[in-house]
Amino acid sequence: MNNLILGVGLNNNQYPTKINGKITKQYNLWHTMLVRCYCSKYQKIKPTYVDCAVSDNFKSYSCFYEWSVNQIGFDLDGWHLDKDIIKKGNNIYSENLCAFVPSEINCFFCDCRANKGEWPTGVYFDKERSLFRVQCMGYGKKQNLGRFNTYEEAHAVYKQFKENLCKELANKWKSQIDSRVYDAMMIWIV
C-alpha cells in the first residue's frame, strides 16, 4: 500500500519509517522537507519556504532514503540538510543541489532578511551618533565592525567580513564537507 504525504510525497513502504517505535532519521528529514514546501500552516510561520518545492525524485521516500544514506555528513549529529548553498537562491530540494552541512555552516547562511530593517543586512543606523554601525555574527559571537558615515561604506565592510568568514569556514570544514559545498563557499558573495 502506498501512502501519499501532504498530497505530494509517496511512501511506498520500501524502507522503514520507524525502528523500535522511533521515527528514522531518513523519514524525519523527508517529512520535514515536505512540510516546509507544502504545508501552508508551516509557511505562515516560516515564510522563507513559500515558493520552495521538492524534485520529483525527492517526492519518493525510497529515492530520498537511498540518496540520503550515501551523502557526506548524513550520519553525523548536528548536520543539516541544505538546499541553497551549492546554488545560491535555489528553492528546490533535489539530489543535485542538496547536501548535508554542519550546524556552523548552516547557521552562517541563515536568512536574516525578515528582521534587518530598512538598511542592508548587518547595517544599523546609530541615532545617537548619526552614523551607520556594522555588526555580523562571527567566531561564535556578534562582531562589531565599526561605524561609518554612509550605509554604502558600512555595507562594504560587512560584505568583505562576511565573504572572508565564508572562506574561512569552508577551509575549516574542507576535509569533512561535500566538495560541491566547499566550492560554492569559496566563490560565495553577499
N, C-alpha and C. Protein backbone atom coordinates (compact mmCIF):
# COMPACT_ATOMS: atom_id res chain seq x y z
N MET A 1 0.84 -1.19 0.00
CA MET A 1 0.00 0.00 0.00
C MET A 1 0.88 1.25 0.00
N ASN A 2 0.61 2.19 -0.87
CA ASN A 2 1.34 3.45 -0.94
C ASN A 2 0.62 4.52 -0.13
N ASN A 3 1.41 5.35 0.53
CA ASN A 3 0.85 6.43 1.33
C ASN A 3 1.30 7.76 0.77
N LEU A 4 0.34 8.64 0.42
CA LEU A 4 0.65 9.97 -0.08
C LEU A 4 0.75 10.92 1.12
N ILE A 5 1.86 11.63 1.21
CA ILE A 5 2.12 12.54 2.32
C ILE A 5 2.00 13.98 1.82
N LEU A 6 1.18 14.77 2.49
CA LEU A 6 0.93 16.18 2.13
C LEU A 6 0.52 16.34 0.67
N GLY A 7 -0.11 15.32 0.14
CA GLY A 7 -0.62 15.37 -1.23
C GLY A 7 0.42 15.21 -2.32
N VAL A 8 1.72 15.11 -1.96
CA VAL A 8 2.77 15.02 -2.98
C VAL A 8 3.80 13.92 -2.71
N GLY A 9 4.08 13.62 -1.47
CA GLY A 9 5.13 12.67 -1.13
C GLY A 9 4.63 11.25 -1.15
N LEU A 10 5.37 10.38 -1.81
CA LEU A 10 4.96 8.98 -1.93
C LEU A 10 5.83 8.09 -1.06
N ASN A 11 5.21 7.43 -0.11
CA ASN A 11 5.90 6.43 0.70
C ASN A 11 5.39 5.07 0.27
N ASN A 12 6.23 4.35 -0.47
CA ASN A 12 5.82 3.03 -0.96
C ASN A 12 6.18 1.91 0.03
N ASN A 13 6.59 2.29 1.23
CA ASN A 13 6.91 1.35 2.31
C ASN A 13 8.07 0.42 1.98
N GLN A 14 8.96 0.84 1.09
CA GLN A 14 10.15 0.04 0.78
C GLN A 14 11.14 0.12 1.94
N TYR A 15 11.19 1.28 2.62
CA TYR A 15 12.10 1.47 3.74
C TYR A 15 11.30 1.84 4.98
N PRO A 16 11.82 1.48 6.15
CA PRO A 16 11.06 1.75 7.38
C PRO A 16 10.97 3.24 7.70
N THR A 17 9.87 3.62 8.28
CA THR A 17 9.70 4.99 8.78
C THR A 17 9.98 5.03 10.28
N LYS A 18 9.87 3.86 10.91
CA LYS A 18 10.15 3.73 12.35
C LYS A 18 10.94 2.46 12.60
N ILE A 19 11.81 2.53 13.58
CA ILE A 19 12.53 1.35 14.06
C ILE A 19 12.38 1.33 15.57
N ASN A 20 11.86 0.24 16.08
CA ASN A 20 11.59 0.11 17.52
C ASN A 20 10.74 1.27 18.04
N GLY A 21 9.76 1.69 17.23
CA GLY A 21 8.84 2.74 17.63
C GLY A 21 9.38 4.15 17.47
N LYS A 22 10.63 4.29 17.02
CA LYS A 22 11.24 5.61 16.86
C LYS A 22 11.33 5.95 15.37
N ILE A 23 10.90 7.17 15.03
CA ILE A 23 10.96 7.62 13.64
C ILE A 23 12.41 7.65 13.17
N THR A 24 12.65 7.11 11.98
CA THR A 24 14.01 7.08 11.45
C THR A 24 14.46 8.48 11.05
N LYS A 25 15.75 8.69 11.04
CA LYS A 25 16.31 9.98 10.63
C LYS A 25 15.93 10.30 9.19
N GLN A 26 15.97 9.28 8.31
CA GLN A 26 15.64 9.49 6.91
C GLN A 26 14.20 9.97 6.76
N TYR A 27 13.28 9.31 7.45
CA TYR A 27 11.88 9.69 7.33
C TYR A 27 11.63 11.06 7.93
N ASN A 28 12.25 11.35 9.05
CA ASN A 28 12.08 12.66 9.67
C ASN A 28 12.56 13.77 8.73
N LEU A 29 13.72 13.59 8.12
CA LEU A 29 14.25 14.58 7.17
C LEU A 29 13.32 14.74 5.97
N TRP A 30 12.86 13.62 5.43
CA TRP A 30 11.99 13.64 4.26
C TRP A 30 10.67 14.33 4.58
N HIS A 31 10.05 13.93 5.67
CA HIS A 31 8.76 14.51 6.05
C HIS A 31 8.89 16.00 6.35
N THR A 32 9.94 16.39 7.08
CA THR A 32 10.17 17.80 7.40
C THR A 32 10.36 18.63 6.12
N MET A 33 11.08 18.07 5.15
CA MET A 33 11.29 18.74 3.87
C MET A 33 9.95 18.97 3.17
N LEU A 34 9.09 17.97 3.17
CA LEU A 34 7.77 18.11 2.55
C LEU A 34 6.92 19.15 3.28
N VAL A 35 6.99 19.14 4.60
CA VAL A 35 6.23 20.12 5.38
C VAL A 35 6.67 21.54 5.03
N ARG A 36 7.98 21.77 4.96
CA ARG A 36 8.50 23.10 4.62
C ARG A 36 7.95 23.59 3.28
N CYS A 37 7.84 22.68 2.34
CA CYS A 37 7.47 23.07 0.98
C CYS A 37 5.97 23.04 0.69
N TYR A 38 5.21 22.21 1.42
CA TYR A 38 3.82 22.00 1.03
C TYR A 38 2.80 22.21 2.15
N CYS A 39 3.22 22.69 3.29
CA CYS A 39 2.28 22.92 4.39
C CYS A 39 2.10 24.44 4.57
N SER A 40 0.95 24.96 4.18
CA SER A 40 0.72 26.40 4.25
C SER A 40 0.76 26.91 5.69
N LYS A 41 0.33 26.09 6.62
CA LYS A 41 0.38 26.48 8.04
C LYS A 41 1.83 26.71 8.48
N TYR A 42 2.73 25.82 8.07
CA TYR A 42 4.15 25.97 8.39
C TYR A 42 4.72 27.21 7.71
N GLN A 43 4.36 27.43 6.47
CA GLN A 43 4.88 28.56 5.71
C GLN A 43 4.42 29.91 6.26
N LYS A 44 3.30 29.93 6.96
CA LYS A 44 2.88 31.17 7.62
C LYS A 44 3.84 31.52 8.75
N ILE A 45 4.37 30.50 9.40
CA ILE A 45 5.33 30.69 10.49
C ILE A 45 6.73 30.96 9.93
N LYS A 46 7.08 30.27 8.86
CA LYS A 46 8.40 30.38 8.22
C LYS A 46 8.21 30.76 6.74
N PRO A 47 7.94 32.03 6.47
CA PRO A 47 7.63 32.44 5.09
C PRO A 47 8.79 32.30 4.10
N THR A 48 10.01 32.08 4.58
CA THR A 48 11.12 31.89 3.64
C THR A 48 10.95 30.60 2.82
N TYR A 49 10.04 29.71 3.23
CA TYR A 49 9.82 28.48 2.49
C TYR A 49 8.68 28.57 1.47
N VAL A 50 8.00 29.72 1.41
CA VAL A 50 7.00 29.91 0.37
C VAL A 50 7.74 29.85 -0.97
N ASP A 51 7.16 29.21 -1.93
CA ASP A 51 7.75 29.02 -3.27
C ASP A 51 8.86 27.97 -3.30
N CYS A 52 9.08 27.26 -2.20
CA CYS A 52 10.03 26.14 -2.23
C CYS A 52 9.29 24.89 -2.70
N ALA A 53 10.04 23.97 -3.27
CA ALA A 53 9.45 22.74 -3.80
C ALA A 53 10.43 21.59 -3.63
N VAL A 54 9.96 20.40 -3.94
CA VAL A 54 10.75 19.18 -3.86
C VAL A 54 10.78 18.56 -5.26
N SER A 55 11.95 18.11 -5.69
CA SER A 55 12.06 17.48 -7.01
C SER A 55 11.19 16.23 -7.07
N ASP A 56 10.85 15.81 -8.27
CA ASP A 56 10.03 14.61 -8.42
C ASP A 56 10.69 13.40 -7.76
N ASN A 57 12.01 13.26 -7.93
CA ASN A 57 12.70 12.13 -7.30
C ASN A 57 12.59 12.19 -5.78
N PHE A 58 12.78 13.37 -5.20
CA PHE A 58 12.73 13.51 -3.75
C PHE A 58 11.32 13.39 -3.18
N LYS A 59 10.31 13.46 -4.02
CA LYS A 59 8.94 13.23 -3.54
C LYS A 59 8.73 11.77 -3.18
N SER A 60 9.63 10.92 -3.64
CA SER A 60 9.59 9.50 -3.32
C SER A 60 10.46 9.24 -2.08
N TYR A 61 9.85 8.70 -1.02
CA TYR A 61 10.61 8.42 0.20
C TYR A 61 11.74 7.45 -0.09
N SER A 62 11.51 6.44 -0.90
CA SER A 62 12.58 5.46 -1.16
C SER A 62 13.75 6.10 -1.89
N CYS A 63 13.48 6.99 -2.82
CA CYS A 63 14.56 7.69 -3.53
C CYS A 63 15.33 8.58 -2.56
N PHE A 64 14.60 9.35 -1.74
CA PHE A 64 15.26 10.22 -0.77
C PHE A 64 16.08 9.40 0.22
N TYR A 65 15.52 8.29 0.67
CA TYR A 65 16.20 7.40 1.61
C TYR A 65 17.54 6.94 1.03
N GLU A 66 17.49 6.40 -0.19
CA GLU A 66 18.71 5.88 -0.82
C GLU A 66 19.74 6.98 -1.05
N TRP A 67 19.29 8.16 -1.44
CA TRP A 67 20.20 9.29 -1.64
C TRP A 67 20.83 9.70 -0.32
N SER A 68 20.01 9.90 0.70
CA SER A 68 20.50 10.47 1.97
C SER A 68 21.54 9.61 2.66
N VAL A 69 21.34 8.31 2.69
CA VAL A 69 22.28 7.44 3.41
C VAL A 69 23.65 7.38 2.75
N ASN A 70 23.74 7.84 1.52
CA ASN A 70 25.00 7.83 0.80
C ASN A 70 25.68 9.20 0.74
N GLN A 71 25.18 10.16 1.50
CA GLN A 71 25.72 11.51 1.46
C GLN A 71 26.70 11.77 2.59
N ILE A 72 27.70 12.58 2.30
CA ILE A 72 28.66 13.02 3.31
C ILE A 72 27.91 13.76 4.40
N GLY A 73 28.14 13.40 5.64
CA GLY A 73 27.56 14.09 6.77
C GLY A 73 26.20 13.60 7.22
N PHE A 74 25.56 12.72 6.43
CA PHE A 74 24.23 12.26 6.81
C PHE A 74 24.22 11.64 8.20
N ASP A 75 25.21 10.82 8.48
CA ASP A 75 25.23 10.07 9.73
C ASP A 75 25.84 10.84 10.90
N LEU A 76 26.14 12.11 10.71
CA LEU A 76 26.77 12.90 11.77
C LEU A 76 25.74 13.74 12.52
N ASP A 77 25.87 13.77 13.83
CA ASP A 77 24.99 14.60 14.65
C ASP A 77 25.28 16.07 14.40
N GLY A 78 24.23 16.87 14.40
CA GLY A 78 24.40 18.30 14.24
C GLY A 78 24.59 18.76 12.80
N TRP A 79 24.41 17.86 11.85
CA TRP A 79 24.49 18.23 10.44
C TRP A 79 23.08 18.38 9.90
N HIS A 80 22.90 19.31 8.96
CA HIS A 80 21.58 19.66 8.47
C HIS A 80 21.50 19.51 6.95
N LEU A 81 20.31 19.18 6.48
CA LEU A 81 20.05 19.12 5.05
C LEU A 81 19.92 20.55 4.52
N ASP A 82 20.71 20.90 3.51
CA ASP A 82 20.67 22.25 2.95
C ASP A 82 20.39 22.19 1.46
N LYS A 83 19.61 23.14 0.98
CA LYS A 83 19.23 23.18 -0.43
C LYS A 83 19.82 24.35 -1.19
N ASP A 84 20.38 25.36 -0.52
CA ASP A 84 20.74 26.57 -1.25
C ASP A 84 22.16 27.09 -1.04
N ILE A 85 23.06 26.21 -0.63
CA ILE A 85 24.47 26.61 -0.59
C ILE A 85 25.12 26.30 -1.93
N ILE A 86 24.90 25.12 -2.45
CA ILE A 86 25.52 24.72 -3.71
C ILE A 86 25.10 25.66 -4.83
N LYS A 87 23.84 26.06 -4.83
CA LYS A 87 23.34 27.04 -5.81
C LYS A 87 22.59 28.11 -5.03
N LYS A 88 23.22 29.26 -4.90
CA LYS A 88 22.64 30.37 -4.14
C LYS A 88 21.25 30.72 -4.67
N GLY A 89 20.30 30.83 -3.75
CA GLY A 89 18.94 31.19 -4.11
C GLY A 89 18.08 30.02 -4.56
N ASN A 90 18.65 28.82 -4.62
CA ASN A 90 17.88 27.65 -5.04
C ASN A 90 16.70 27.43 -4.09
N ASN A 91 15.55 27.09 -4.63
CA ASN A 91 14.39 26.82 -3.78
C ASN A 91 13.80 25.44 -4.01
N ILE A 92 14.57 24.56 -4.65
CA ILE A 92 14.09 23.20 -4.89
C ILE A 92 15.01 22.19 -4.21
N TYR A 93 14.43 21.39 -3.35
CA TYR A 93 15.17 20.29 -2.73
C TYR A 93 15.32 19.21 -3.80
N SER A 94 16.57 18.90 -4.15
CA SER A 94 16.81 17.87 -5.16
C SER A 94 18.14 17.17 -4.88
N GLU A 95 18.30 16.03 -5.49
CA GLU A 95 19.51 15.23 -5.29
C GLU A 95 20.75 15.92 -5.85
N ASN A 96 20.59 16.84 -6.79
CA ASN A 96 21.74 17.51 -7.38
C ASN A 96 22.19 18.75 -6.62
N LEU A 97 21.30 19.35 -5.84
CA LEU A 97 21.63 20.62 -5.19
C LEU A 97 21.56 20.58 -3.67
N CYS A 98 21.21 19.45 -3.10
CA CYS A 98 21.18 19.33 -1.64
C CYS A 98 22.45 18.67 -1.12
N ALA A 99 22.78 19.01 0.10
CA ALA A 99 23.93 18.40 0.79
C ALA A 99 23.71 18.54 2.27
N PHE A 100 24.41 17.74 3.03
CA PHE A 100 24.40 17.87 4.48
C PHE A 100 25.59 18.73 4.89
N VAL A 101 25.32 19.66 5.81
CA VAL A 101 26.36 20.57 6.28
C VAL A 101 26.31 20.65 7.80
N PRO A 102 27.46 20.92 8.43
CA PRO A 102 27.46 21.08 9.89
C PRO A 102 26.66 22.31 10.29
N SER A 103 26.17 22.29 11.49
CA SER A 103 25.35 23.39 12.02
C SER A 103 26.05 24.74 11.86
N GLU A 104 27.34 24.79 12.09
CA GLU A 104 28.08 26.05 11.99
C GLU A 104 27.95 26.66 10.59
N ILE A 105 28.02 25.84 9.57
CA ILE A 105 27.87 26.34 8.20
C ILE A 105 26.41 26.67 7.92
N ASN A 106 25.51 25.82 8.34
CA ASN A 106 24.09 26.08 8.11
C ASN A 106 23.66 27.41 8.75
N CYS A 107 24.11 27.67 9.97
CA CYS A 107 23.76 28.91 10.66
C CYS A 107 24.38 30.12 9.96
N PHE A 108 25.55 29.96 9.40
CA PHE A 108 26.20 31.05 8.68
C PHE A 108 25.30 31.58 7.56
N PHE A 109 24.59 30.67 6.91
CA PHE A 109 23.76 31.04 5.77
C PHE A 109 22.30 31.33 6.14
N CYS A 110 21.97 31.33 7.43
CA CYS A 110 20.58 31.61 7.82
C CYS A 110 20.15 32.97 7.30
N ASP A 111 18.94 33.04 6.82
CA ASP A 111 18.39 34.25 6.22
C ASP A 111 17.85 35.17 7.31
N CYS A 112 18.43 36.35 7.41
CA CYS A 112 18.02 37.32 8.43
C CYS A 112 17.26 38.49 7.82
N ARG A 113 16.81 38.36 6.57
CA ARG A 113 16.14 39.47 5.91
C ARG A 113 14.89 39.93 6.66
N ALA A 114 14.18 39.01 7.28
CA ALA A 114 12.91 39.37 7.91
C ALA A 114 13.07 40.38 9.04
N ASN A 115 14.23 40.40 9.71
CA ASN A 115 14.39 41.31 10.84
C ASN A 115 15.54 42.30 10.65
N LYS A 116 15.88 42.63 9.41
CA LYS A 116 17.02 43.51 9.18
C LYS A 116 16.65 44.98 9.16
N GLY A 117 15.40 45.31 8.91
CA GLY A 117 15.03 46.72 8.86
C GLY A 117 15.24 47.31 7.47
N GLU A 118 15.39 48.65 7.42
CA GLU A 118 15.44 49.33 6.13
C GLU A 118 16.83 49.33 5.48
N TRP A 119 17.86 48.99 6.22
CA TRP A 119 19.24 49.03 5.70
C TRP A 119 19.68 47.65 5.27
N PRO A 120 20.76 47.55 4.49
CA PRO A 120 21.27 46.23 4.10
C PRO A 120 21.60 45.39 5.34
N THR A 121 21.56 44.08 5.19
CA THR A 121 21.86 43.17 6.29
C THR A 121 23.20 43.55 6.93
N GLY A 122 23.20 43.59 8.26
CA GLY A 122 24.41 43.90 9.01
C GLY A 122 24.61 45.38 9.29
N VAL A 123 23.82 46.24 8.66
CA VAL A 123 23.97 47.69 8.81
C VAL A 123 22.81 48.24 9.63
N TYR A 124 23.14 49.06 10.63
CA TYR A 124 22.16 49.68 11.51
C TYR A 124 22.49 51.16 11.63
N PHE A 125 21.46 51.98 11.78
CA PHE A 125 21.71 53.41 11.96
C PHE A 125 21.75 53.72 13.45
N ASP A 126 22.86 54.27 13.90
CA ASP A 126 23.05 54.67 15.30
C ASP A 126 22.58 56.12 15.43
N LYS A 127 21.37 56.31 15.93
CA LYS A 127 20.77 57.65 16.03
C LYS A 127 21.56 58.58 16.95
N GLU A 128 22.12 58.02 18.01
CA GLU A 128 22.87 58.86 18.96
C GLU A 128 24.10 59.49 18.31
N ARG A 129 24.76 58.75 17.43
CA ARG A 129 25.98 59.25 16.80
C ARG A 129 25.77 59.67 15.34
N SER A 130 24.57 59.46 14.83
CA SER A 130 24.27 59.75 13.42
C SER A 130 25.26 59.08 12.47
N LEU A 131 25.58 57.83 12.78
CA LEU A 131 26.49 57.03 11.96
C LEU A 131 25.86 55.65 11.71
N PHE A 132 26.34 55.00 10.67
CA PHE A 132 25.90 53.64 10.37
C PHE A 132 26.84 52.65 11.04
N ARG A 133 26.26 51.75 11.80
CA ARG A 133 27.03 50.76 12.55
C ARG A 133 26.95 49.42 11.81
N VAL A 134 28.05 48.67 11.85
CA VAL A 134 28.10 47.36 11.20
C VAL A 134 28.32 46.28 12.25
N GLN A 135 27.47 45.24 12.19
CA GLN A 135 27.61 44.07 13.06
C GLN A 135 27.42 42.81 12.24
N CYS A 136 28.12 41.76 12.65
CA CYS A 136 27.99 40.48 11.95
C CYS A 136 28.34 39.37 12.93
N MET A 137 27.57 38.29 12.87
CA MET A 137 27.92 37.13 13.68
C MET A 137 29.16 36.47 13.09
N GLY A 138 30.12 36.17 13.95
CA GLY A 138 31.33 35.50 13.50
C GLY A 138 32.11 35.00 14.69
N TYR A 139 32.71 33.85 14.54
CA TYR A 139 33.54 33.26 15.60
C TYR A 139 32.73 33.05 16.88
N GLY A 140 31.45 32.72 16.70
CA GLY A 140 30.60 32.37 17.83
C GLY A 140 30.00 33.53 18.59
N LYS A 141 30.21 34.75 18.12
CA LYS A 141 29.61 35.90 18.81
C LYS A 141 29.41 37.04 17.83
N LYS A 142 28.64 38.04 18.27
CA LYS A 142 28.40 39.21 17.44
C LYS A 142 29.66 40.06 17.37
N GLN A 143 30.08 40.38 16.14
CA GLN A 143 31.26 41.19 15.91
C GLN A 143 30.84 42.61 15.55
N ASN A 144 31.36 43.59 16.27
CA ASN A 144 31.13 44.99 15.93
C ASN A 144 32.26 45.41 15.00
N LEU A 145 31.90 45.82 13.79
CA LEU A 145 32.89 46.10 12.76
C LEU A 145 33.12 47.58 12.52
N GLY A 146 32.48 48.44 13.30
CA GLY A 146 32.75 49.87 13.19
C GLY A 146 31.52 50.69 12.85
N ARG A 147 31.76 52.01 12.77
CA ARG A 147 30.72 52.98 12.42
C ARG A 147 31.20 53.78 11.22
N PHE A 148 30.25 54.14 10.34
CA PHE A 148 30.60 54.78 9.07
C PHE A 148 29.61 55.88 8.74
N ASN A 149 30.05 56.80 7.90
CA ASN A 149 29.22 57.94 7.53
C ASN A 149 28.06 57.56 6.61
N THR A 150 28.27 56.58 5.75
CA THR A 150 27.22 56.19 4.82
C THR A 150 26.92 54.69 4.96
N TYR A 151 25.70 54.34 4.58
CA TYR A 151 25.36 52.92 4.65
C TYR A 151 26.12 52.13 3.59
N GLU A 152 26.53 52.77 2.50
CA GLU A 152 27.31 52.09 1.47
C GLU A 152 28.68 51.67 2.01
N GLU A 153 29.33 52.58 2.74
CA GLU A 153 30.62 52.25 3.36
C GLU A 153 30.44 51.11 4.37
N ALA A 154 29.40 51.23 5.17
CA ALA A 154 29.14 50.21 6.19
C ALA A 154 28.88 48.86 5.55
N HIS A 155 28.06 48.85 4.51
CA HIS A 155 27.74 47.59 3.86
C HIS A 155 28.97 46.96 3.20
N ALA A 156 29.85 47.78 2.66
CA ALA A 156 31.09 47.26 2.05
C ALA A 156 31.94 46.52 3.08
N VAL A 157 32.00 47.06 4.30
CA VAL A 157 32.76 46.41 5.37
C VAL A 157 32.09 45.10 5.77
N TYR A 158 30.77 45.13 5.91
CA TYR A 158 30.02 43.91 6.23
C TYR A 158 30.27 42.84 5.16
N LYS A 159 30.15 43.24 3.90
CA LYS A 159 30.32 42.31 2.77
C LYS A 159 31.69 41.66 2.80
N GLN A 160 32.73 42.45 2.99
CA GLN A 160 34.08 41.90 3.00
C GLN A 160 34.26 40.92 4.17
N PHE A 161 33.79 41.32 5.36
CA PHE A 161 33.91 40.45 6.53
C PHE A 161 33.17 39.13 6.30
N LYS A 162 31.93 39.20 5.83
CA LYS A 162 31.10 38.02 5.66
C LYS A 162 31.69 37.08 4.59
N GLU A 163 32.17 37.63 3.50
CA GLU A 163 32.75 36.80 2.45
C GLU A 163 34.05 36.14 2.90
N ASN A 164 34.88 36.87 3.64
CA ASN A 164 36.10 36.28 4.18
C ASN A 164 35.78 35.18 5.19
N LEU A 165 34.78 35.43 6.02
CA LEU A 165 34.36 34.43 7.01
C LEU A 165 33.86 33.16 6.32
N CYS A 166 33.15 33.32 5.22
CA CYS A 166 32.66 32.17 4.47
C CYS A 166 33.83 31.30 3.99
N LYS A 167 34.86 31.92 3.47
CA LYS A 167 36.03 31.17 3.00
C LYS A 167 36.75 30.49 4.18
N GLU A 168 36.84 31.19 5.31
CA GLU A 168 37.45 30.58 6.50
C GLU A 168 36.69 29.33 6.93
N LEU A 169 35.35 29.42 6.96
CA LEU A 169 34.54 28.26 7.33
C LEU A 169 34.71 27.13 6.33
N ALA A 170 34.74 27.46 5.05
CA ALA A 170 34.92 26.45 4.02
C ALA A 170 36.24 25.71 4.24
N ASN A 171 37.30 26.46 4.50
CA ASN A 171 38.60 25.82 4.71
C ASN A 171 38.66 25.04 6.01
N LYS A 172 37.98 25.54 7.03
CA LYS A 172 37.93 24.81 8.30
C LYS A 172 37.29 23.43 8.13
N TRP A 173 36.23 23.34 7.32
CA TRP A 173 35.47 22.10 7.16
C TRP A 173 35.82 21.35 5.87
N LYS A 174 36.78 21.83 5.11
CA LYS A 174 37.08 21.29 3.78
C LYS A 174 37.18 19.77 3.73
N SER A 175 37.86 19.19 4.67
CA SER A 175 38.09 17.74 4.62
C SER A 175 36.86 16.94 5.03
N GLN A 176 35.82 17.62 5.52
CA GLN A 176 34.65 16.90 6.02
C GLN A 176 33.38 17.14 5.22
N ILE A 177 33.32 18.20 4.42
CA ILE A 177 32.09 18.53 3.71
C ILE A 177 32.15 18.09 2.25
N ASP A 178 31.00 18.01 1.64
CA ASP A 178 30.86 17.72 0.21
C ASP A 178 31.67 18.75 -0.57
N SER A 179 32.43 18.32 -1.54
CA SER A 179 33.27 19.25 -2.32
C SER A 179 32.43 20.31 -3.03
N ARG A 180 31.19 19.99 -3.37
CA ARG A 180 30.32 20.97 -4.02
C ARG A 180 30.02 22.12 -3.06
N VAL A 181 29.86 21.81 -1.78
CA VAL A 181 29.62 22.84 -0.77
C VAL A 181 30.87 23.70 -0.62
N TYR A 182 32.02 23.05 -0.53
CA TYR A 182 33.28 23.78 -0.40
C TYR A 182 33.47 24.74 -1.57
N ASP A 183 33.30 24.23 -2.78
CA ASP A 183 33.50 25.07 -3.98
C ASP A 183 32.54 26.26 -3.99
N ALA A 184 31.30 26.03 -3.62
CA ALA A 184 30.31 27.12 -3.60
C ALA A 184 30.65 28.17 -2.55
N MET A 185 31.16 27.72 -1.40
CA MET A 185 31.52 28.66 -0.34
C MET A 185 32.73 29.51 -0.72
N MET A 186 33.64 28.94 -1.49
CA MET A 186 34.83 29.69 -1.87
C MET A 186 34.55 30.80 -2.87
N ILE A 187 33.43 30.72 -3.58
CA ILE A 187 33.09 31.79 -4.53
C ILE A 187 31.85 32.58 -4.09
N TRP A 188 31.32 32.28 -2.92
CA TRP A 188 30.09 32.93 -2.43
C TRP A 188 30.31 34.42 -2.21
N ILE A 189 29.32 35.20 -2.60
CA ILE A 189 29.35 36.64 -2.34
C ILE A 189 28.04 37.07 -1.70
N VAL A 190 28.12 38.14 -0.92
CA VAL A 190 26.93 38.69 -0.27
C VAL A 190 26.03 39.26 -1.34
